[in-house]
Amino acid sequence: MTRHAGLLAAAGLLAATAAQADLLRHCAAPPALDAVQHDRLFRFAAVVRETLDQSGQRLALIARAGTDLRRFAQRYSHAGISLRASPNTPWSVRQLYYDCDIGQPRLFDQGLPGFLLGGADPAQGHIVLLLLPEAAERPLEAAALDVRLAQQVLGASYSANAHAFSTRYQNCNQWVAELLAQAWGGLPAPAPGDGPAAARAQAQQWLRQRGYVPTRITVHNPLVTLAGAVMPWLHTDDHPPEAVRAQQFDVSMPASIAAFVQRQVPGVQRVEFCHDLQKIVVRQGWTPLGAGCQPAAGDRVIPLQPAPVGGIGA
């Protein structure tokens, strides 16, 4: 068996492994939703937007539970910046996304319902917001809305498991982390003649100096590592060889960004939302929601009723 055929066989085994199947859906279209699921999604988005409208904030760091990463003890997979003054629609999320058609990362503004549509499970969804005090919010808003600045820390190549301190690849969360560095670090513009990765290298140095700790993802199934050879959104060549051998990858995730912001920004607030088939739960504070969507004392609970017969608005 050739090396290429062997890797394809490994990928085939991976596809047959239900616990890993979500990795193969990275570029697949989201599942089609029926009228009831659409109604639930829009109600959930409306509650998130209402919270943002009433917060008095100009932006929020936002993350969703998208790709199913529970096997890696991660609830949230994808982060962005929700902007009241978005040129798209209010509270659209400015984010890095991987353009599967051209195989490159891009910046993209997406309304809240569309952002929520990226969730892995239409029956249950999770969103978390970080609300910043004005001294931290204003420079981040300026950096996020300045396309030139935001593009300075946009990597040329994408990898879902990009090493947090390498400029070879970038994932969506790493772009957010490096934009924080750009906004809060007062970093100088790259000098003439510097390569395109210079701004990213400066941002990563600032993050290191401030004690940013990426999330360590330990892969217990070697097929996931092998799959990187045949999937354009997974790579290992930016990680130290000893880490690859140990199948331990230091990656920027929403959890590592949240922990960093909590340490760096006194007064940052956290709001977490979930929905299931019957209700929406809203929790204020740094104690995360548990498994499922079960409320605790002090949580706000909003009942969800089924969509009217005949569809939304019937």
C-alpha atoms as a PDB file:
ATOM      1  CA  MET A   1       0.000   0.000   0.000  1.00  0.00           C
ATOM      2  CA  THR A   2       1.397   3.424  -0.932  1.00  0.00           C
ATOM      3  CA  ARG A   3       1.809   6.132   1.676  1.00  0.00           C
ATOM      4  CA  HIS A   4      -0.977   8.168   0.062  1.00  0.00           C
ATOM      5  CA  ALA A   5      -3.323   5.196  -0.045  1.00  0.00           C
ATOM      6  CA  GLY A   6      -2.479   4.367   3.545  1.00  0.00           C
ATOM      7  CA  LEU A   7      -3.353   7.884   4.676  1.00  0.00           C
ATOM      8  CA  LEU A   8      -6.598   7.783   2.744  1.00  0.00           C
ATOM      9  CA  ALA A   9      -7.420   4.514   4.447  1.00  0.00           C
ATOM     10  CA  ALA A  10      -6.685   6.106   7.799  1.00  0.00           C
ATOM     11  CA  ALA A  11      -8.991   8.978   6.914  1.00  0.00           C
ATOM     12  CA  GLY A  12     -11.637   6.455   5.934  1.00  0.00           C
ATOM     13  CA  LEU A  13     -11.338   4.799   9.322  1.00  0.00           C
ATOM     14  CA  LEU A  14     -11.618   8.203  10.900  1.00  0.00           C
ATOM     15  CA  ALA A  15     -14.807   8.899   8.976  1.00  0.00           C
ATOM     16  CA  ALA A  16     -16.227   5.651  10.298  1.00  0.00           C
ATOM     17  CA  THR A  17     -15.455   6.610  13.880  1.00  0.00           C
ATOM     18  CA  ALA A  18     -18.544   8.413  15.146  1.00  0.00           C
ATOM     19  CA  ALA A  19     -16.719  10.203  17.941  1.00  0.00           C
ATOM     20  CA  GLN A  20     -14.433  11.870  15.393  1.00  0.00           C
ATOM     21  CA  ALA A  21     -16.882  12.398  12.528  1.00  0.00           C
ATOM     22  CA  ASP A  22     -17.442  16.076  13.235  1.00  0.00           C
ATOM     23  CA  LEU A  23     -13.861  16.826  12.165  1.00  0.00           C
ATOM     24  CA  LEU A  24     -14.811  15.782   8.635  1.00  0.00           C
ATOM     25  CA  ARG A  25     -17.776  18.205   8.501  1.00  0.00           C
ATOM     26  CA  HIS A  26     -15.572  21.293   8.691  1.00  0.00           C
ATOM     27  CA  CYS A  27     -16.382  22.324   5.114  1.00  0.00           C
ATOM     28  CA  ALA A  28     -19.784  20.677   4.876  1.00  0.00           C
ATOM     29  CA  ALA A  29     -22.952  22.740   4.639  1.00  0.00           C
ATOM     30  CA  PRO A  30     -24.814  23.049   7.959  1.00  0.00           C
ATOM     31  CA  PRO A  31     -27.719  20.638   8.359  1.00  0.00           C
ATOM     32  CA  ALA A  32     -31.034  21.842   6.947  1.00  0.00           C
ATOM     33  CA  LEU A  33     -33.391  23.117   9.638  1.00  0.00           C
ATOM     34  CA  ASP A  34     -37.145  22.728   9.732  1.00  0.00           C
ATOM     35  CA  ALA A  35     -39.548  25.544  10.680  1.00  0.00           C
ATOM     36  CA  VAL A  36     -39.514  24.690  14.378  1.00  0.00           C
ATOM     37  CA  GLN A  37     -35.718  24.627  14.502  1.00  0.00           C
ATOM     38  CA  HIS A  38     -35.507  27.948  12.646  1.00  0.00           C
ATOM     39  CA  ASP A  39     -37.978  29.491  15.066  1.00  0.00           C
ATOM     40  CA  ARG A  40     -35.966  28.268  18.061  1.00  0.00           C
ATOM     41  CA  LEU A  41     -32.730  29.578  16.565  1.00  0.00           C
ATOM     42  CA  PHE A  42     -34.172  33.045  15.926  1.00  0.00           C
ATOM     43  CA  ARG A  43     -35.660  33.204  19.427  1.00  0.00           C
ATOM     44  CA  PHE A  44     -32.291  32.274  20.868  1.00  0.00           C
ATOM     45  CA  ALA A  45     -30.555  34.925  18.752  1.00  0.00           C
ATOM     46  CA  ALA A  46     -33.157  37.488  19.853  1.00  0.00           C
ATOM     47  CA  VAL A  47     -32.391  36.833  23.531  1.00  0.00           C
ATOM     48  CA  VAL A  48     -28.637  37.213  22.907  1.00  0.00           C
ATOM     49  CA  ARG A  49     -29.240  40.431  20.978  1.00  0.00           C
ATOM     50  CA  GLU A  50     -31.603  41.793  23.646  1.00  0.00           C
ATOM     51  CA  THR A  51     -28.894  41.190  26.244  1.00  0.00           C
ATOM     52  CA  LEU A  52     -26.368  43.037  24.097  1.00  0.00           C
ATOM     53  CA  ASP A  53     -28.766  45.919  23.422  1.00  0.00           C
ATOM     54  CA  GLN A  54     -29.436  46.352  27.131  1.00  0.00           C
ATOM     55  CA  SER A  55     -25.807  45.997  28.176  1.00  0.00           C
ATOM     56  CA  GLY A  56     -24.718  49.495  27.144  1.00  0.00           C
ATOM     57  CA  GLN A  57     -21.663  47.909  25.516  1.00  0.00           C
ATOM     58  CA  ARG A  58     -20.239  48.671  22.096  1.00  0.00           C
ATOM     59  CA  LEU A  59     -18.892  45.181  21.563  1.00  0.00           C
ATOM     60  CA  ALA A  60     -18.653  41.741  23.083  1.00  0.00           C
ATOM     61  CA  LEU A  61     -16.201  38.926  22.688  1.00  0.00           C
ATOM     62  CA  ILE A  62     -18.459  36.068  21.630  1.00  0.00           C
ATOM     63  CA  ALA A  63     -17.977  32.319  21.241  1.00  0.00           C
ATOM     64  CA  ARG A  64     -20.243  29.513  20.170  1.00  0.00           C
ATOM     65  CA  ALA A  65     -20.298  25.775  20.630  1.00  0.00           C
ATOM     66  CA  GLY A  66     -19.768  24.772  16.997  1.00  0.00           C
ATOM     67  CA  THR A  67     -17.534  21.824  16.164  1.00  0.00           C
ATOM     68  CA  ASP A  68     -18.195  19.113  18.733  1.00  0.00           C
ATOM     69  CA  LEU A  69     -15.040  19.121  20.877  1.00  0.00           C
ATOM     70  CA  ARG A  70     -16.406  17.428  23.976  1.00  0.00           C
ATOM     71  CA  ARG A  71     -13.894  14.615  23.494  1.00  0.00           C
ATOM     72  CA  PHE A  72     -11.230  17.293  24.149  1.00  0.00           C
ATOM     73  CA  ALA A  73     -13.121  18.743  27.145  1.00  0.00           C
ATOM     74  CA  GLN A  74     -13.921  21.925  25.191  1.00  0.00           C
ATOM     75  CA  ARG A  75     -17.446  23.321  24.890  1.00  0.00           C
ATOM     76  CA  TYR A  76     -16.683  26.384  22.775  1.00  0.00           C
ATOM     77  CA  SER A  77     -14.885  26.096  19.465  1.00  0.00           C
ATOM     78  CA  HIS A  78     -15.232  29.394  17.587  1.00  0.00           C
ATOM     79  CA  ALA A  79     -14.789  32.995  18.765  1.00  0.00           C
ATOM     80  CA  GLY A  80     -15.303  36.404  17.189  1.00  0.00           C
ATOM     81  CA  ILE A  81     -16.176  40.000  18.055  1.00  0.00           C
ATOM     82  CA  SER A  82     -19.799  41.120  18.081  1.00  0.00           C
ATOM     83  CA  LEU A  83     -19.975  44.827  17.176  1.00  0.00           C
ATOM     84  CA  ARG A  84     -22.858  47.209  17.796  1.00  0.00           C
ATOM     85  CA  ALA A  85     -21.503  49.487  15.021  1.00  0.00           C
ATOM     86  CA  SER A  86     -20.916  46.660  12.542  1.00  0.00           C
ATOM     87  CA  PRO A  87     -21.124  47.801   8.899  1.00  0.00           C
ATOM     88  CA  ASN A  88     -23.213  44.676   8.279  1.00  0.00           C
ATOM     89  CA  THR A  89     -26.047  44.734  10.845  1.00  0.00           C
ATOM     90  CA  PRO A  90     -25.857  45.714  14.534  1.00  0.00           C
ATOM     91  CA  TRP A  91     -24.112  43.074  16.627  1.00  0.00           C
ATOM     92  CA  SER A  92     -22.816  41.168  13.620  1.00  0.00           C
ATOM     93  CA  VAL A  93     -19.790  39.056  14.455  1.00  0.00           C
ATOM     94  CA  ARG A  94     -16.478  39.943  12.831  1.00  0.00           C
ATOM     95  CA  GLN A  95     -14.512  36.719  12.641  1.00  0.00           C
ATOM     96  CA  LEU A  96     -11.971  34.699  10.753  1.00  0.00           C
ATOM     97  CA  TYR A  97     -13.485  31.915   8.709  1.00  0.00           C
ATOM     98  CA  TYR A  98     -11.957  29.351   6.410  1.00  0.00           C
ATOM     99  CA  ASP A  99     -13.184  29.792   2.846  1.00  0.00           C
ATOM    100  CA  CYS A 100     -13.414  26.200   1.711  1.00  0.00           C
ATOM    101  CA  ASP A 101     -13.898  27.146  -1.950  1.00  0.00           C
ATOM    102  CA  ILE A 102     -10.516  28.862  -2.226  1.00  0.00           C
ATOM    103  CA  GLY A 103      -8.751  27.199   0.707  1.00  0.00           C
ATOM    104  CA  GLN A 104      -7.852  30.454   2.459  1.00  0.00           C
ATOM    105  CA  PRO A 105      -8.819  32.305   5.654  1.00  0.00           C
ATOM    106  CA  ARG A 106     -10.838  35.512   5.373  1.00  0.00           C
ATOM    107  CA  LEU A 107     -12.485  38.050   7.631  1.00  0.00           C
ATOM    108  CA  PHE A 108     -16.264  37.887   7.579  1.00  0.00           C
ATOM    109  CA  ASP A 109     -19.120  39.826   9.202  1.00  0.00           C
ATOM    110  CA  GLN A 110     -22.064  37.601  10.082  1.00  0.00           C
ATOM    111  CA  GLY A 111     -25.366  38.425  11.775  1.00  0.00           C
ATOM    112  CA  LEU A 112     -26.138  36.729  15.071  1.00  0.00           C
ATOM    113  CA  PRO A 113     -28.643  34.185  13.655  1.00  0.00           C
ATOM    114  CA  GLY A 114     -26.113  33.082  11.036  1.00  0.00           C
ATOM    115  CA  PHE A 115     -23.386  32.878  13.664  1.00  0.00           C
ATOM    116  CA  LEU A 116     -25.604  30.654  15.802  1.00  0.00           C
ATOM    117  CA  LEU A 117     -26.392  28.487  12.794  1.00  0.00           C
ATOM    118  CA  GLY A 118     -22.802  27.246  13.010  1.00  0.00           C
ATOM    119  CA  GLY A 119     -23.698  25.285  16.139  1.00  0.00           C
ATOM    120  CA  ALA A 120     -23.209  21.552  15.942  1.00  0.00           C
ATOM    121  CA  ASP A 121     -26.604  20.559  17.355  1.00  0.00           C
ATOM    122  CA  PRO A 122     -29.858  22.341  16.429  1.00  0.00           C
ATOM    123  CA  ALA A 123     -31.528  20.775  19.476  1.00  0.00           C
ATOM    124  CA  GLN A 124     -29.106  22.431  21.902  1.00  0.00           C
ATOM    125  CA  GLY A 125     -26.885  25.495  21.578  1.00  0.00           C
ATOM    126  CA  HIS A 126     -24.442  27.443  23.724  1.00  0.00           C
ATOM    127  CA  ILE A 127     -23.149  31.007  23.425  1.00  0.00           C
ATOM    128  CA  VAL A 128     -20.897  32.970  25.776  1.00  0.00           C
ATOM    129  CA  LEU A 129     -20.250  36.727  25.867  1.00  0.00           C
ATOM    130  CA  LEU A 130     -17.461  38.688  27.529  1.00  0.00           C
ATOM    131  CA  LEU A 131     -18.398  42.322  28.213  1.00  0.00           C
ATOM    132  CA  LEU A 132     -15.446  44.657  28.680  1.00  0.00           C
ATOM    133  CA  PRO A 133     -15.090  47.899  30.646  1.00  0.00           C
ATOM    134  CA  GLU A 134     -14.747  50.961  28.426  1.00  0.00           C
ATOM    135  CA  ALA A 135     -10.961  51.313  28.783  1.00  0.00           C
ATOM    136  CA  ALA A 136     -10.491  47.888  27.186  1.00  0.00           C
ATOM    137  CA  GLU A 137     -13.514  48.059  24.904  1.00  0.00           C
ATOM    138  CA  ARG A 138     -12.697  51.272  23.021  1.00  0.00           C
ATOM    139  CA  PRO A 139      -9.283  50.285  21.604  1.00  0.00           C
ATOM    140  CA  LEU A 140     -10.569  46.822  20.701  1.00  0.00           C
ATOM    141  CA  GLU A 141     -13.545  48.314  18.863  1.00  0.00           C
ATOM    142  CA  ALA A 142     -11.240  50.651  16.945  1.00  0.00           C
ATOM    143  CA  ALA A 143      -8.938  47.775  15.962  1.00  0.00           C
ATOM    144  CA  ALA A 144     -11.790  45.450  14.987  1.00  0.00           C
ATOM    145  CA  LEU A 145     -13.544  48.052  12.826  1.00  0.00           C
ATOM    146  CA  ASP A 146     -10.321  49.165  11.134  1.00  0.00           C
ATOM    147  CA  VAL A 147     -10.081  46.635   8.315  1.00  0.00           C
ATOM    148  CA  ARG A 148      -6.432  47.493   7.661  1.00  0.00           C
ATOM    149  CA  LEU A 149      -5.460  46.808  11.274  1.00  0.00           C
ATOM    150  CA  ALA A 150      -7.609  43.689  11.499  1.00  0.00           C
ATOM    151  CA  GLN A 151      -5.999  42.372   8.313  1.00  0.00           C
ATOM    152  CA  GLN A 152      -2.489  42.958   9.693  1.00  0.00           C
ATOM    153  CA  VAL A 153      -2.900  40.008  12.028  1.00  0.00           C
ATOM    154  CA  LEU A 154      -4.792  37.811   9.559  1.00  0.00           C
ATOM    155  CA  GLY A 155      -2.710  34.781   8.699  1.00  0.00           C
ATOM    156  CA  ALA A 156      -2.154  33.673   5.122  1.00  0.00           C
ATOM    157  CA  SER A 157      -2.841  29.978   5.801  1.00  0.00           C
ATOM    158  CA  TYR A 158      -5.458  28.310   7.983  1.00  0.00           C
ATOM    159  CA  SER A 159      -5.222  25.357  10.325  1.00  0.00           C
ATOM    160  CA  ALA A 160      -7.931  24.438  12.806  1.00  0.00           C
ATOM    161  CA  ASN A 161      -5.236  23.233  15.215  1.00  0.00           C
ATOM    162  CA  ALA A 162      -2.743  26.051  14.526  1.00  0.00           C
ATOM    163  CA  HIS A 163       0.049  26.419  17.060  1.00  0.00           C
ATOM    164  CA  ALA A 164      -0.647  29.517  19.141  1.00  0.00           C
ATOM    165  CA  PHE A 165       2.929  30.812  18.884  1.00  0.00           C
ATOM    166  CA  SER A 166       3.689  30.113  15.234  1.00  0.00           C
ATOM    167  CA  THR A 167       2.958  32.328  12.236  1.00  0.00           C
ATOM    168  CA  ARG A 168       2.828  29.417   9.783  1.00  0.00           C
ATOM    169  CA  TYR A 169      -0.924  28.928  10.217  1.00  0.00           C
ATOM    170  CA  GLN A 170      -3.783  30.576  12.092  1.00  0.00           C
ATOM    171  CA  ASN A 171      -7.191  29.513  13.356  1.00  0.00           C
ATOM    172  CA  CYS A 172     -10.216  31.697  14.067  1.00  0.00           C
ATOM    173  CA  ASN A 173      -9.483  32.023  17.779  1.00  0.00           C
ATOM    174  CA  GLN A 174      -5.832  32.893  17.214  1.00  0.00           C
ATOM    175  CA  TRP A 175      -6.902  35.842  15.071  1.00  0.00           C
ATOM    176  CA  VAL A 176      -9.013  37.109  17.990  1.00  0.00           C
ATOM    177  CA  ALA A 177      -6.110  36.683  20.426  1.00  0.00           C
ATOM    178  CA  GLU A 178      -3.712  38.531  18.114  1.00  0.00           C
ATOM    179  CA  LEU A 179      -6.241  41.322  17.556  1.00  0.00           C
ATOM    180  CA  LEU A 180      -6.425  41.752  21.340  1.00  0.00           C
ATOM    181  CA  ALA A 181      -2.655  42.184  21.323  1.00  0.00           C
ATOM    182  CA  GLN A 182      -2.910  44.688  18.477  1.00  0.00           C
ATOM    183  CA  ALA A 183      -5.584  46.674  20.319  1.00  0.00           C
ATOM    184  CA  TRP A 184      -4.236  46.579  23.865  1.00  0.00           C
ATOM    185  CA  GLY A 185      -0.503  46.408  23.206  1.00  0.00           C
ATOM    186  CA  GLY A 186      -0.063  49.625  21.254  1.00  0.00           C
ATOM    187  CA  LEU A 187       2.052  47.669  18.818  1.00  0.00           C
ATOM    188  CA  PRO A 188       3.883  49.630  16.096  1.00  0.00           C
ATOM    189  CA  ALA A 189       3.016  49.150  12.467  1.00  0.00           C
ATOM    190  CA  PRO A 190       5.342  46.718  10.679  1.00  0.00           C
ATOM    191  CA  ALA A 191       8.426  48.429   9.247  1.00  0.00           C
ATOM    192  CA  PRO A 192       8.769  48.756   5.475  1.00  0.00           C
ATOM    193  CA  GLY A 193      10.275  45.586   4.124  1.00  0.00           C
ATOM    194  CA  ASP A 194       8.969  43.401   6.958  1.00  0.00           C
ATOM    195  CA  GLY A 195       7.275  40.234   5.801  1.00  0.00           C
ATOM    196  CA  PRO A 196       3.521  39.710   6.117  1.00  0.00           C
ATOM    197  CA  ALA A 197       3.963  37.700   9.325  1.00  0.00           C
ATOM    198  CA  ALA A 198       5.776  40.544  11.178  1.00  0.00           C
ATOM    199  CA  ALA A 199       2.649  41.975  12.801  1.00  0.00           C
ATOM    200  CA  ARG A 200       1.565  38.506  13.883  1.00  0.00           C
ATOM    201  CA  ALA A 201       4.970  37.794  15.408  1.00  0.00           C
ATOM    202  CA  GLN A 202       4.784  41.058  17.400  1.00  0.00           C
ATOM    203  CA  ALA A 203       1.302  40.181  18.611  1.00  0.00           C
ATOM    204  CA  GLN A 204       2.390  36.711  19.690  1.00  0.00           C
ATOM    205  CA  GLN A 205       5.389  38.147  21.547  1.00  0.00           C
ATOM    206  CA  TRP A 206       3.062  40.524  23.403  1.00  0.00           C
ATOM    207  CA  LEU A 207       0.747  37.650  24.302  1.00  0.00           C
ATOM    208  CA  ARG A 208       3.671  35.595  25.612  1.00  0.00           C
ATOM    209  CA  GLN A 209       4.918  38.518  27.706  1.00  0.00           C
ATOM    210  CA  ARG A 210       1.461  38.971  29.210  1.00  0.00           C
ATOM    211  CA  GLY A 211       1.223  35.307  30.156  1.00  0.00           C
ATOM    212  CA  TYR A 212      -1.212  34.086  27.521  1.00  0.00           C
ATOM    213  CA  VAL A 213      -1.625  30.314  27.902  1.00  0.00           C
ATOM    214  CA  PRO A 214      -3.081  28.432  24.925  1.00  0.00           C
ATOM    215  CA  THR A 215      -5.301  25.406  25.391  1.00  0.00           C
ATOM    216  CA  ARG A 216      -3.440  22.096  25.314  1.00  0.00           C
ATOM    217  CA  ILE A 217      -5.359  19.622  23.195  1.00  0.00           C
ATOM    218  CA  THR A 218      -4.355  16.004  23.756  1.00  0.00           C
ATOM    219  CA  VAL A 219      -5.357  13.690  20.919  1.00  0.00           C
ATOM    220  CA  HIS A 220      -5.941  10.141  22.062  1.00  0.00           C
ATOM    221  CA  ASN A 221      -6.793   8.756  18.621  1.00  0.00           C
ATOM    222  CA  PRO A 222      -3.738   8.734  16.298  1.00  0.00           C
ATOM    223  CA  LEU A 223      -6.053   8.737  13.277  1.00  0.00           C
ATOM    224  CA  VAL A 224      -6.844  12.386  13.985  1.00  0.00           C
ATOM    225  CA  THR A 225      -3.177  13.281  13.572  1.00  0.00           C
ATOM    226  CA  LEU A 226      -2.892  11.174  10.419  1.00  0.00           C
ATOM    227  CA  ALA A 227      -5.958  12.878   9.001  1.00  0.00           C
ATOM    228  CA  GLY A 228      -4.000  16.120   8.863  1.00  0.00           C
ATOM    229  CA  ALA A 229      -2.131  14.757   5.839  1.00  0.00           C
ATOM    230  CA  VAL A 230      -5.283  14.617   3.712  1.00  0.00           C
ATOM    231  CA  MET A 231      -7.406  17.443   5.165  1.00  0.00           C
ATOM    232  CA  PRO A 232      -6.495  21.013   4.208  1.00  0.00           C
ATOM    233  CA  TRP A 233      -7.639  22.453   7.534  1.00  0.00           C
ATOM    234  CA  LEU A 234      -5.545  20.251   9.856  1.00  0.00           C
ATOM    235  CA  HIS A 235      -1.744  20.471  10.109  1.00  0.00           C
ATOM    236  CA  THR A 236       1.006  19.428  12.478  1.00  0.00           C
ATOM    237  CA  ASP A 237       4.125  20.904  10.870  1.00  0.00           C
ATOM    238  CA  ASP A 238       3.872  24.116  12.927  1.00  0.00           C
ATOM    239  CA  HIS A 239       4.051  22.206  16.222  1.00  0.00           C
ATOM    240  CA  PRO A 240       7.293  21.050  17.882  1.00  0.00           C
ATOM    241  CA  PRO A 241       8.199  17.486  16.847  1.00  0.00           C
ATOM    242  CA  GLU A 242       8.117  16.278  20.446  1.00  0.00           C
ATOM    243  CA  ALA A 243       4.579  17.658  20.838  1.00  0.00           C
ATOM    244  CA  VAL A 244       3.460  15.886  17.674  1.00  0.00           C
ATOM    245  CA  ARG A 245       4.946  12.631  18.962  1.00  0.00           C
ATOM    246  CA  ALA A 246       3.055  13.107  22.238  1.00  0.00           C
ATOM    247  CA  GLN A 247      -0.046  14.219  20.280  1.00  0.00           C
ATOM    248  CA  GLN A 248      -0.313  17.362  22.392  1.00  0.00           C
ATOM    249  CA  PHE A 249      -1.149  20.572  20.572  1.00  0.00           C
ATOM    250  CA  ASP A 250      -1.122  24.092  22.065  1.00  0.00           C
ATOM    251  CA  VAL A 251      -3.984  25.858  20.335  1.00  0.00           C
ATOM    252  CA  SER A 252      -5.893  29.090  20.876  1.00  0.00           C
ATOM    253  CA  MET A 253      -9.445  28.281  21.934  1.00  0.00           C
ATOM    254  CA  PRO A 254     -12.281  30.407  23.342  1.00  0.00           C
ATOM    255  CA  ALA A 255     -11.465  29.032  26.804  1.00  0.00           C
ATOM    256  CA  SER A 256      -7.850  30.239  26.667  1.00  0.00           C
ATOM    257  CA  ILE A 257      -8.929  33.667  25.388  1.00  0.00           C
ATOM    258  CA  ALA A 258     -11.526  33.980  28.164  1.00  0.00           C
ATOM    259  CA  ALA A 259      -9.004  33.029  30.849  1.00  0.00           C
ATOM    260  CA  PHE A 260      -6.515  35.557  29.483  1.00  0.00           C
ATOM    261  CA  VAL A 261      -9.086  38.364  29.327  1.00  0.00           C
ATOM    262  CA  GLN A 262     -10.286  37.592  32.852  1.00  0.00           C
ATOM    263  CA  ARG A 263      -6.713  37.975  34.133  1.00  0.00           C
ATOM    264  CA  GLN A 264      -5.883  41.055  32.064  1.00  0.00           C
ATOM    265  CA  VAL A 265      -9.074  43.114  32.357  1.00  0.00           C
ATOM    266  CA  PRO A 266     -10.471  43.830  35.818  1.00  0.00           C
ATOM    267  CA  GLY A 267     -14.223  44.138  35.708  1.00  0.00           C
ATOM    268  CA  VAL A 268     -14.878  42.025  32.619  1.00  0.00           C
ATOM    269  CA  GLN A 269     -18.309  40.386  32.794  1.00  0.00           C
ATOM    270  CA  ARG A 270     -19.334  36.986  31.485  1.00  0.00           C
ATOM    271  CA  VAL A 271     -22.805  36.004  30.270  1.00  0.00           C
ATOM    272  CA  GLU A 272     -23.565  32.482  29.075  1.00  0.00           C
ATOM    273  CA  PHE A 273     -26.624  31.275  27.176  1.00  0.00           C
ATOM    274  CA  CYS A 274     -27.942  27.869  26.262  1.00  0.00           C
ATOM    275  CA  HIS A 275     -31.085  26.479  24.729  1.00  0.00           C
ATOM    276  CA  ASP A 276     -32.637  23.055  24.417  1.00  0.00           C
ATOM    277  CA  LEU A 277     -36.032  22.063  23.041  1.00  0.00           C
ATOM    278  CA  GLN A 278     -38.001  23.621  25.888  1.00  0.00           C
ATOM    279  CA  LYS A 279     -36.134  26.660  27.213  1.00  0.00           C
ATOM    280  CA  ILE A 280     -33.371  29.226  27.076  1.00  0.00           C
ATOM    281  CA  VAL A 281     -31.129  29.651  30.120  1.00  0.00           C
ATOM    282  CA  VAL A 282     -29.115  32.825  30.762  1.00  0.00           C
ATOM    283  CA  ARG A 283     -26.360  32.847  33.395  1.00  0.00           C
ATOM    284  CA  GLN A 284     -24.345  35.819  34.637  1.00  0.00           C
ATOM    285  CA  GLY A 285     -20.912  35.148  36.089  1.00  0.00           C
ATOM    286  CA  TRP A 286     -17.873  32.954  35.692  1.00  0.00           C
ATOM    287  CA  THR A 287     -19.388  29.658  36.804  1.00  0.00           C
ATOM    288  CA  PRO A 288     -20.042  27.807  33.533  1.00  0.00           C
ATOM    289  CA  LEU A 289     -23.277  26.061  32.736  1.00  0.00           C
ATOM    290  CA  GLY A 290     -23.065  22.338  33.327  1.00  0.00           C
ATOM    291  CA  ALA A 291     -23.774  19.496  30.972  1.00  0.00           C
ATOM    292  CA  GLY A 292     -26.983  19.907  29.070  1.00  0.00           C
ATOM    293  CA  CYS A 293     -28.934  23.114  29.594  1.00  0.00           C
ATOM    294  CA  GLN A 294     -29.984  22.860  33.224  1.00  0.00           C
ATOM    295  CA  PRO A 295     -30.544  26.093  35.181  1.00  0.00           C
ATOM    296  CA  ALA A 296     -29.325  26.771  38.692  1.00  0.00           C
ATOM    297  CA  ALA A 297     -30.478  29.251  41.285  1.00  0.00           C
ATOM    298  CA  GLY A 298     -30.154  32.788  39.958  1.00  0.00           C
ATOM    299  CA  ASP A 299     -30.288  31.836  36.271  1.00  0.00           C
ATOM    300  CA  ARG A 300     -32.882  33.411  33.986  1.00  0.00           C
ATOM    301  CA  VAL A 301     -35.108  30.811  32.308  1.00  0.00           C
ATOM    302  CA  ILE A 302     -37.158  31.675  29.216  1.00  0.00           C
ATOM    303  CA  PRO A 303     -39.669  29.029  28.065  1.00  0.00           C
ATOM    304  CA  LEU A 304     -39.634  28.042  24.411  1.00  0.00           C
ATOM    305  CA  GLN A 305     -42.898  27.093  22.789  1.00  0.00           C
ATOM    306  CA  PRO A 306     -43.088  25.163  19.533  1.00  0.00           C
ATOM    307  CA  ALA A 307     -43.470  27.176  16.337  1.00  0.00           C
ATOM    308  CA  PRO A 308     -47.112  27.586  15.198  1.00  0.00           C
ATOM    309  CA  VAL A 309     -48.484  24.905  12.909  1.00  0.00           C
ATOM    310  CA  GLY A 310     -47.716  25.917   9.317  1.00  0.00           C
ATOM    311  CA  GLY A 311     -44.372  27.510  10.064  1.00  0.00           C
ATOM    312  CA  ILE A 312     -42.950  30.724  11.485  1.00  0.00           C
ATOM    313  CA  GLY A 313     -45.466  33.536  11.617  1.00  0.00           C
ATOM    314  CA  ALA A 314     -48.393  31.349  10.532  1.00  0.00           C
END
